[in-house]
Amino acid sequence: MAEFICEFTTNHMGNLNVLLEMVRLASATGADYIKMQKKNIETFYSQSKLNSPYKSPYGKSYRDYRKIFEFGKRDFNLFNEECEKYDIKWFATAQDKSSLNFLLDYNLPMYKLASLNAKNIDILNYCKKEIPTDKTIVVSVAGLNLNEIEDLIKFFPKHKMIINHCVAEYPCKYKNLRLGNIKILKEKFGSDRISIGYSGHEEGIQPSLAAIKMGAEFVERHFCLSRHSFVHHIECSLDFSEFKEMVDLSKNDFGDEILDQFDGEVFKSSFGMSDMEKSFLVDLTYGKDYLNEESQIKDD
């Protein structure tokens, strides 16, 4: 049976009360985990990106918009206590070294690397050194080819890993989901050490259920209180009723009829970076310090 991850992303809008309410509702969906994010925006994004105009309730620049979403120690402590209260586990994406150091203060079961850091040797080496080997490393592999995914798995020989099939398109059109990749990843890499998951950015729940039929052992979806929000990528988020329906349906003995709802294009397989993903992962979206296209993964 698949396990489910409520990805909170920025849907809490930087509001602690919203964050804590999301914890309560995430637990009530039957999800197994909550996933947070932590980043140093001054190094994660380029200065030109931070200074660029961006209209939001928080100001007129992208810096004004992004800095509000980063919670500090006191907020994370309250969040951690709320997760304990509602008996739901959590982990987080560490987007840089200082963020990983921050998160290592908590006894998390897993630590995640986003797709854009999956070839960043500096961060990979730091994670390999600092994350205890009894913890699981989760990596989304949007934009990577099979050889790069294999190199990534070899880079962490002592850790258990979850390799998430992912397409960096928000929201992702059904025809671009490439759910066939899940089956190939499972056949090629699946083992007691390596689990295969799915991080979905589509609208609706049916493709995520289809991903389970294709072999996904973990399903991560963006979670929100409501899609009536100004935050980015809200279109591919699920509200409480949708997420709960997805979890409940997964527990039923649903058959291959879930696959019959889609044409074959949904289940095609291809690895590597699409033009759409390149615009998000490479083309100056983030600071060059954290996306080195020339890096090659090598064991040290």
Protein backbone atom coordinates (compact mmCIF):
# COMPACT_ATOMS: atom_id res chain seq x y z
CA MET A 1 0.00 0.00 0.00
CA ALA A 2 1.34 3.40 -0.97
CA GLU A 3 2.20 6.05 1.59
CA PHE A 4 1.10 9.67 1.14
CA ILE A 5 2.95 12.95 1.64
CA CYS A 6 1.22 16.31 2.03
CA GLU A 7 3.63 18.81 0.50
CA PHE A 8 2.90 22.15 2.16
CA THR A 9 5.20 24.15 -0.17
CA THR A 10 4.26 27.86 0.26
CA ASN A 11 0.53 27.21 0.63
CA HIS A 12 0.70 28.27 4.28
CA MET A 13 1.33 31.82 2.95
CA GLY A 14 3.87 32.39 5.71
CA ASN A 15 1.09 32.47 8.29
CA LEU A 16 1.71 30.34 11.40
CA ASN A 17 -2.00 29.92 12.15
CA VAL A 18 -2.62 28.65 8.62
CA LEU A 19 0.36 26.31 8.94
CA LEU A 20 -0.93 24.77 12.16
CA GLU A 21 -4.43 24.34 10.73
CA MET A 22 -2.88 22.60 7.73
CA VAL A 23 -1.21 20.15 10.11
CA ARG A 24 -4.53 19.25 11.69
CA LEU A 25 -6.24 18.72 8.36
CA ALA A 26 -3.31 16.85 6.81
CA SER A 27 -3.48 14.38 9.66
CA ALA A 28 -7.23 13.98 9.14
CA THR A 29 -6.72 13.04 5.47
CA GLY A 30 -4.92 9.87 6.53
CA ALA A 31 -1.62 11.05 5.03
CA ASP A 32 1.56 9.52 6.44
CA TYR A 33 3.84 12.55 6.20
CA ILE A 34 3.93 16.31 5.88
CA LYS A 35 6.73 17.85 3.84
CA MET A 36 8.02 21.34 4.46
CA GLN A 37 10.65 23.42 2.65
CA LYS A 38 13.54 25.45 3.99
CA LYS A 39 15.78 27.78 2.03
CA ASN A 40 18.02 30.82 2.34
CA ILE A 41 16.43 33.03 -0.29
CA GLU A 42 19.45 35.33 -0.58
CA THR A 43 21.62 32.49 -1.92
CA PHE A 44 18.97 30.25 -3.44
CA TYR A 45 17.73 32.85 -5.92
CA SER A 46 19.78 35.14 -8.10
CA GLN A 47 19.88 38.78 -7.03
CA SER A 48 18.28 39.80 -10.31
CA LYS A 49 15.40 37.43 -9.60
CA LEU A 50 14.99 38.75 -6.05
CA ASN A 51 15.02 42.36 -7.23
CA SER A 52 12.60 41.76 -10.09
CA PRO A 53 9.10 43.29 -9.86
CA TYR A 54 6.52 40.97 -8.34
CA LYS A 55 3.18 42.18 -7.06
CA SER A 56 1.89 40.45 -3.92
CA PRO A 57 0.27 41.35 -0.59
CA TYR A 58 3.79 41.52 0.86
CA GLY A 59 5.43 44.05 -1.44
CA LYS A 60 6.51 44.87 -4.96
CA SER A 61 9.58 42.66 -5.49
CA TYR A 62 10.16 38.91 -5.64
CA ARG A 63 12.32 39.24 -2.51
CA ASP A 64 9.39 40.78 -0.63
CA TYR A 65 7.19 37.93 -1.79
CA ARG A 66 9.52 35.02 -1.03
CA LYS A 67 11.00 36.06 2.30
CA ILE A 68 7.63 35.94 4.05
CA PHE A 69 7.35 32.18 3.46
CA GLU A 70 10.43 31.22 5.48
CA PHE A 71 9.68 30.20 9.06
CA GLY A 72 12.26 30.49 11.85
CA LYS A 73 13.16 28.28 14.78
CA ARG A 74 10.27 29.25 17.03
CA ASP A 75 7.74 28.60 14.28
CA PHE A 76 9.28 25.25 13.36
CA ASN A 77 9.24 24.23 17.01
CA LEU A 78 5.53 25.00 17.23
CA PHE A 79 4.95 23.19 13.95
CA ASN A 80 6.88 20.17 15.24
CA GLU A 81 4.80 20.12 18.44
CA GLU A 82 1.60 20.27 16.38
CA CYS A 83 2.72 17.31 14.27
CA GLU A 84 3.38 15.34 17.46
CA LYS A 85 -0.05 16.34 18.80
CA TYR A 86 -1.78 15.03 15.68
CA ASP A 87 0.53 12.03 15.32
CA ILE A 88 1.81 12.76 11.83
CA LYS A 89 5.47 12.56 10.79
CA TRP A 90 7.20 15.31 8.85
CA PHE A 91 10.34 15.96 6.86
CA ALA A 92 11.56 18.77 4.64
CA THR A 93 13.43 19.77 1.53
CA ALA A 94 16.75 21.39 2.38
CA GLN A 95 17.62 23.76 -0.46
CA ASP A 96 21.08 24.76 0.82
CA LYS A 97 23.65 23.90 3.48
CA SER A 98 22.42 26.27 6.15
CA SER A 99 18.89 24.94 5.72
CA LEU A 100 20.09 21.37 6.14
CA ASN A 101 21.92 22.36 9.32
CA PHE A 102 18.70 23.92 10.58
CA LEU A 103 16.68 20.79 9.83
CA LEU A 104 19.21 18.40 11.34
CA ASP A 105 18.24 19.77 14.76
CA TYR A 106 15.01 17.79 14.41
CA ASN A 107 14.83 14.01 14.52
CA LEU A 108 13.37 13.66 11.04
CA PRO A 109 12.91 10.31 9.32
CA MET A 110 13.81 11.70 5.90
CA TYR A 111 15.49 14.64 4.20
CA LYS A 112 14.68 15.68 0.65
CA LEU A 113 16.67 17.08 -2.24
CA ALA A 114 14.75 18.90 -4.95
CA SER A 115 15.26 18.15 -8.63
CA LEU A 116 17.26 21.32 -9.21
CA ASN A 117 19.88 20.15 -6.66
CA ALA A 118 20.09 16.58 -7.91
CA LYS A 119 23.33 17.36 -9.82
CA ASN A 120 24.73 19.95 -7.43
CA ILE A 121 27.94 18.30 -6.24
CA ASP A 122 28.53 20.77 -3.42
CA ILE A 123 25.16 20.11 -1.81
CA LEU A 124 25.22 16.38 -2.58
CA ASN A 125 28.57 15.99 -0.87
CA TYR A 126 27.36 17.96 2.13
CA CYS A 127 24.19 15.85 2.43
CA LYS A 128 26.20 12.65 2.10
CA LYS A 129 28.47 13.77 4.92
CA GLU A 130 25.93 15.30 7.29
CA ILE A 131 22.73 13.24 6.96
CA PRO A 132 22.97 10.16 9.23
CA THR A 133 22.92 6.88 7.35
CA ASP A 134 19.91 5.67 9.34
CA LYS A 135 17.85 8.43 7.68
CA THR A 136 16.25 8.19 4.25
CA ILE A 137 17.18 10.56 1.44
CA VAL A 138 14.32 11.52 -0.88
CA VAL A 139 15.15 12.92 -4.31
CA SER A 140 12.85 14.13 -7.07
CA VAL A 141 14.47 13.44 -10.42
CA ALA A 142 12.73 15.81 -12.83
CA GLY A 143 15.04 16.54 -15.74
CA LEU A 144 17.45 13.65 -15.11
CA ASN A 145 18.17 10.85 -17.55
CA LEU A 146 18.56 7.23 -16.44
CA ASN A 147 22.35 7.37 -16.26
CA GLU A 148 22.19 10.46 -14.06
CA ILE A 149 19.64 8.78 -11.78
CA GLU A 150 21.88 5.71 -11.51
CA ASP A 151 24.88 7.90 -10.66
CA LEU A 152 22.81 9.69 -8.02
CA ILE A 153 21.83 6.41 -6.37
CA LYS A 154 25.46 5.25 -6.37
CA PHE A 155 26.46 8.54 -4.79
CA PHE A 156 24.58 7.58 -1.60
CA PRO A 157 25.51 3.89 -1.12
CA LYS A 158 24.81 3.78 2.62
CA HIS A 159 21.44 5.55 2.76
CA LYS A 160 18.01 4.26 1.98
CA MET A 161 16.50 6.39 -0.78
CA ILE A 162 13.16 7.28 -2.30
CA ILE A 163 13.48 8.22 -5.95
CA ASN A 164 10.47 10.28 -7.02
CA HIS A 165 9.41 10.39 -10.63
CA CYS A 166 8.53 14.02 -11.20
CA VAL A 167 7.85 16.44 -14.05
CA ALA A 168 8.77 20.07 -13.31
CA GLU A 169 5.69 21.59 -14.92
CA TYR A 170 3.12 23.46 -12.78
CA PRO A 171 0.42 22.36 -13.35
CA CYS A 172 1.53 19.43 -15.47
CA LYS A 173 -0.64 18.55 -18.44
CA TYR A 174 -1.76 14.93 -18.41
CA LYS A 175 -0.04 14.28 -21.74
CA ASN A 176 3.30 15.25 -20.16
CA LEU A 177 3.09 13.14 -16.99
CA ARG A 178 5.27 10.27 -18.32
CA LEU A 179 3.87 7.81 -15.78
CA GLY A 180 5.60 5.00 -17.67
CA ASN A 181 8.84 6.20 -16.07
CA ILE A 182 7.67 4.80 -12.73
CA LYS A 183 7.60 1.24 -14.02
CA ILE A 184 11.05 1.58 -15.56
CA LEU A 185 12.51 3.11 -12.37
CA LYS A 186 11.02 0.28 -10.32
CA GLU A 187 12.37 -2.42 -12.64
CA LYS A 188 15.83 -0.87 -12.89
CA PHE A 189 16.44 0.44 -9.37
CA GLY A 190 13.77 -0.86 -6.99
CA SER A 191 15.17 -2.80 -4.03
CA ASP A 192 15.03 -3.05 -0.24
CA ARG A 193 17.21 0.08 -0.20
CA ILE A 194 15.61 2.02 -3.05
CA SER A 195 11.90 2.84 -3.15
CA ILE A 196 10.20 4.50 -6.10
CA GLY A 197 7.75 7.33 -5.51
CA TYR A 198 5.80 9.92 -7.44
CA SER A 199 5.77 13.68 -6.89
CA GLY A 200 2.79 14.89 -8.89
CA HIS A 201 2.02 18.40 -10.12
CA GLU A 202 -1.13 17.66 -12.10
CA GLU A 203 -4.64 18.85 -11.35
CA GLY A 204 -6.95 16.25 -9.79
CA ILE A 205 -6.28 12.89 -8.13
CA GLN A 206 -6.78 10.25 -10.82
CA PRO A 207 -3.23 10.34 -12.26
CA SER A 208 -1.81 9.90 -8.74
CA LEU A 209 -3.92 6.77 -8.28
CA ALA A 210 -2.72 5.58 -11.68
CA ALA A 211 0.86 6.18 -10.50
CA ILE A 212 0.24 3.73 -7.66
CA LYS A 213 -0.93 1.12 -10.17
CA MET A 214 2.31 1.76 -12.08
CA GLY A 215 4.29 0.90 -8.94
CA ALA A 216 4.70 4.13 -6.93
CA GLU A 217 5.24 3.33 -3.25
CA PHE A 218 5.00 6.97 -2.14
CA VAL A 219 2.79 9.73 -3.52
CA GLU A 220 3.60 13.36 -2.79
CA ARG A 221 1.07 16.06 -3.68
CA HIS A 222 0.80 19.74 -2.83
CA PHE A 223 -1.75 20.32 -0.06
CA CYS A 224 -3.73 23.48 0.69
CA LEU A 225 -6.63 24.78 2.73
CA SER A 226 -8.10 26.35 -0.40
CA ARG A 227 -7.06 27.05 -3.97
CA HIS A 228 -8.47 30.57 -3.63
CA SER A 229 -4.97 31.87 -2.98
CA PHE A 230 -2.36 34.13 -4.53
CA VAL A 231 0.57 31.71 -4.02
CA HIS A 232 2.35 30.22 -7.02
CA HIS A 233 1.58 26.66 -8.19
CA ILE A 234 -1.72 26.63 -6.30
CA GLU A 235 -3.46 25.10 -9.34
CA CYS A 236 -1.80 21.72 -8.78
CA SER A 237 -2.61 21.59 -5.06
CA LEU A 238 -5.28 19.39 -3.45
CA ASP A 239 -7.58 20.62 -0.71
CA PHE A 240 -8.63 18.53 2.29
CA SER A 241 -11.55 16.71 0.65
CA GLU A 242 -9.55 15.90 -2.49
CA PHE A 243 -6.52 14.61 -0.62
CA LYS A 244 -8.68 12.52 1.71
CA GLU A 245 -10.57 11.07 -1.25
CA MET A 246 -7.27 10.10 -2.87
CA VAL A 247 -6.04 8.37 0.31
CA ASP A 248 -9.35 6.62 0.89
CA LEU A 249 -9.60 5.38 -2.70
CA SER A 250 -6.05 4.02 -2.55
CA LYS A 251 -7.03 1.79 0.36
CA ASN A 252 -9.73 0.13 -1.69
CA ASP A 253 -8.83 -2.72 -3.96
CA PHE A 254 -9.10 -0.63 -7.09
CA GLY A 255 -8.11 -2.40 -10.27
CA ASP A 256 -6.63 -1.53 -13.63
CA GLU A 257 -9.81 0.30 -14.60
CA ILE A 258 -8.15 3.41 -13.18
CA LEU A 259 -5.69 3.17 -16.07
CA ASP A 260 -8.45 2.92 -18.66
CA GLN A 261 -9.48 6.53 -17.98
CA PHE A 262 -6.41 7.84 -19.80
CA ASP A 263 -5.08 7.56 -23.29
CA GLY A 264 -1.68 6.02 -23.86
CA GLU A 265 0.11 9.35 -23.93
CA VAL A 266 -0.14 9.60 -20.12
CA PHE A 267 1.84 6.38 -19.76
CA LYS A 268 4.61 7.14 -22.19
CA SER A 269 8.15 7.04 -20.85
CA SER A 270 11.02 9.39 -21.52
CA PHE A 271 13.84 10.59 -19.33
CA GLY A 272 15.76 13.84 -19.49
CA MET A 273 14.73 17.46 -19.51
CA SER A 274 11.86 18.83 -21.57
CA ASP A 275 11.85 22.41 -22.82
CA MET A 276 9.20 23.24 -20.22
CA GLU A 277 11.37 21.83 -17.41
CA LYS A 278 14.44 23.61 -18.73
CA SER A 279 12.72 26.97 -18.35
CA PHE A 280 12.06 26.14 -14.69
CA LEU A 281 15.19 24.22 -13.71
CA VAL A 282 17.92 25.90 -15.74
CA ASP A 283 17.11 29.20 -17.45
CA LEU A 284 18.19 31.63 -14.75
CA THR A 285 15.21 30.83 -12.53
CA TYR A 286 17.52 30.25 -9.59
CA GLY A 287 20.97 31.43 -8.56
CA LYS A 288 23.84 29.80 -10.43
CA ASP A 289 25.54 28.90 -7.15
CA TYR A 290 22.88 26.25 -6.64
CA LEU A 291 22.56 24.86 -10.15
CA ASN A 292 25.85 23.99 -11.79
CA GLU A 293 25.13 22.47 -15.17
CA GLU A 294 28.75 21.40 -15.59
CA SER A 295 28.81 19.28 -12.42
CA GLN A 296 29.24 15.55 -12.82
CA ILE A 297 28.45 13.16 -9.99
CA LYS A 298 31.47 11.23 -8.80
CA ASP A 299 32.09 9.07 -5.76
CA ASP A 300 34.66 10.49 -3.38
